[in-house]
Amino acid sequence: NPDEHVNREAIIYINRVSDFLFVAARAVNDNGNADVLWIPGKNR
């Protein structure tokens, strides 16, 4: 709803948590292999 106010600090916090989770997942998944490049529509 466009009339609802979202706490700015909550948005910042959620953004930081998502950054942390992304980096943590990359660290856990790191096994020396290169990342797989995703090309839209290639596997269709």
Protein backbone atom coordinates (compact mmCIF):
# COMPACT_ATOMS: atom_id res chain seq x y z
CA ASN A 1 0.00 0.00 0.00
CA PRO A 2 1.59 3.34 -1.03
CA ASP A 3 0.11 5.10 2.01
CA GLU A 4 1.95 2.87 4.50
CA HIS A 5 5.18 4.11 6.05
CA VAL A 6 8.09 1.70 6.36
CA ASN A 7 10.65 2.43 9.04
CA ARG A 8 13.86 3.58 7.32
CA GLU A 9 16.04 1.82 9.90
CA ALA A 10 14.21 -1.45 9.22
CA ILE A 11 14.95 -1.17 5.51
CA ILE A 12 18.63 -0.45 6.20
CA TYR A 13 18.80 -3.38 8.64
CA ILE A 14 17.18 -5.80 6.21
CA ASN A 15 19.54 -4.65 3.47
CA ARG A 16 22.58 -5.27 5.71
CA VAL A 17 21.30 -8.69 6.72
CA SER A 18 20.76 -9.64 3.08
CA ASP A 19 24.31 -8.48 2.24
CA PHE A 20 25.67 -10.61 5.10
CA LEU A 21 23.67 -13.66 4.05
CA PHE A 22 24.86 -13.30 0.45
CA VAL A 23 28.51 -13.10 1.49
CA ALA A 24 28.12 -15.93 4.03
CA ALA A 25 26.54 -18.18 1.40
CA ARG A 26 29.35 -17.41 -1.03
CA ALA A 27 31.95 -18.23 1.63
CA VAL A 28 30.26 -21.51 2.56
CA ASN A 29 29.86 -22.48 -1.10
CA ASP A 30 33.43 -21.54 -2.05
CA ASN A 31 35.20 -24.71 -3.10
CA GLY A 32 37.69 -23.23 -5.52
CA ASN A 33 35.44 -23.43 -8.56
CA ALA A 34 34.53 -20.44 -10.67
CA ASP A 35 31.00 -19.09 -10.56
CA VAL A 36 28.58 -20.30 -13.21
CA LEU A 37 27.56 -17.49 -15.52
CA TRP A 38 23.79 -17.40 -15.88
CA ILE A 39 22.62 -16.55 -19.39
CA PRO A 40 18.85 -15.96 -19.60
CA GLY A 41 17.10 -18.33 -21.99
CA LYS A 42 20.15 -20.50 -22.64
CA ASN A 43 18.70 -23.62 -20.99
CA ARG A 44 15.28 -23.38 -22.58
